[in-house]
Amino acid sequence: MILNFSPANPLNFFSLMHYLCHQMLRNYIQYLIGLSFMVFVAIDHKGI
């Protein structure tokens, strides 16, 4: 996704921030899913 970013145009700035927030949110959700899965596997291997 390529945005012709210019500081004079606030619309491009907001769309860029919107895109970055979406990317961070998606990465954070994937990180949480992976972390909870690893914790589940670790607990499962301990036999608790």
C-alpha atoms as a PDB file:
ATOM      1  CA  MET A   1       0.000   0.000   0.000  1.00  0.00           C
ATOM      2  CA  ILE A   2       1.676   3.162  -1.205  1.00  0.00           C
ATOM      3  CA  LEU A   3       0.401   6.554  -0.064  1.00  0.00           C
ATOM      4  CA  ASN A   4       1.701   9.747  -1.597  1.00  0.00           C
ATOM      5  CA  PHE A   5       2.277  11.319   1.781  1.00  0.00           C
ATOM      6  CA  SER A   6       2.416  15.091   2.025  1.00  0.00           C
ATOM      7  CA  PRO A   7       2.296  16.937   5.372  1.00  0.00           C
ATOM      8  CA  ALA A   8       0.191  19.699   3.807  1.00  0.00           C
ATOM      9  CA  ASN A   9      -2.695  17.299   3.239  1.00  0.00           C
ATOM     10  CA  PRO A  10      -4.276  16.255   6.566  1.00  0.00           C
ATOM     11  CA  LEU A  11      -6.397  13.583   4.856  1.00  0.00           C
ATOM     12  CA  ASN A  12      -3.320  11.601   3.826  1.00  0.00           C
ATOM     13  CA  PHE A  13      -1.952  11.934   7.351  1.00  0.00           C
ATOM     14  CA  PHE A  14      -5.135  10.564   8.908  1.00  0.00           C
ATOM     15  CA  SER A  15      -5.363   7.725   6.411  1.00  0.00           C
ATOM     16  CA  LEU A  16      -1.731   6.859   7.136  1.00  0.00           C
ATOM     17  CA  MET A  17      -2.373   6.844  10.891  1.00  0.00           C
ATOM     18  CA  HIS A  18      -5.519   4.766  10.321  1.00  0.00           C
ATOM     19  CA  TYR A  19      -3.513   2.239   8.292  1.00  0.00           C
ATOM     20  CA  LEU A  20      -0.735   2.080  10.907  1.00  0.00           C
ATOM     21  CA  CYS A  21      -3.229   1.584  13.735  1.00  0.00           C
ATOM     22  CA  HIS A  22      -4.876  -1.255  11.822  1.00  0.00           C
ATOM     23  CA  GLN A  23      -1.510  -2.922  11.213  1.00  0.00           C
ATOM     24  CA  MET A  24      -0.467  -2.615  14.868  1.00  0.00           C
ATOM     25  CA  LEU A  25      -3.830  -3.915  16.049  1.00  0.00           C
ATOM     26  CA  ARG A  26      -3.633  -6.915  13.731  1.00  0.00           C
ATOM     27  CA  ASN A  27      -0.059  -7.689  14.814  1.00  0.00           C
ATOM     28  CA  TYR A  28      -1.045  -7.307  18.492  1.00  0.00           C
ATOM     29  CA  ILE A  29      -3.985  -9.702  18.114  1.00  0.00           C
ATOM     30  CA  GLN A  30      -1.790 -12.275  16.352  1.00  0.00           C
ATOM     31  CA  TYR A  31       0.802 -11.857  19.128  1.00  0.00           C
ATOM     32  CA  LEU A  32      -1.823 -12.437  21.829  1.00  0.00           C
ATOM     33  CA  ILE A  33      -3.168 -15.522  20.053  1.00  0.00           C
ATOM     34  CA  GLY A  34       0.335 -16.952  19.691  1.00  0.00           C
ATOM     35  CA  LEU A  35       1.176 -16.173  23.310  1.00  0.00           C
ATOM     36  CA  SER A  36      -1.990 -17.770  24.701  1.00  0.00           C
ATOM     37  CA  PHE A  37      -1.391 -20.806  22.474  1.00  0.00           C
ATOM     38  CA  MET A  38       2.159 -21.204  23.796  1.00  0.00           C
ATOM     39  CA  VAL A  39       0.929 -20.878  27.388  1.00  0.00           C
ATOM     40  CA  PHE A  40      -1.764 -23.476  26.694  1.00  0.00           C
ATOM     41  CA  VAL A  41       0.809 -25.880  25.204  1.00  0.00           C
ATOM     42  CA  ALA A  42       3.187 -25.328  28.131  1.00  0.00           C
ATOM     43  CA  ILE A  43       0.433 -26.016  30.676  1.00  0.00           C
ATOM     44  CA  ASP A  44      -0.720 -29.015  28.653  1.00  0.00           C
ATOM     45  CA  HIS A  45       2.791 -30.494  28.663  1.00  0.00           C
ATOM     46  CA  LYS A  46       3.112 -30.042  32.406  1.00  0.00           C
ATOM     47  CA  GLY A  47      -0.064 -32.052  32.880  1.00  0.00           C
ATOM     48  CA  ILE A  48      -1.811 -29.524  35.140  1.00  0.00           C
END
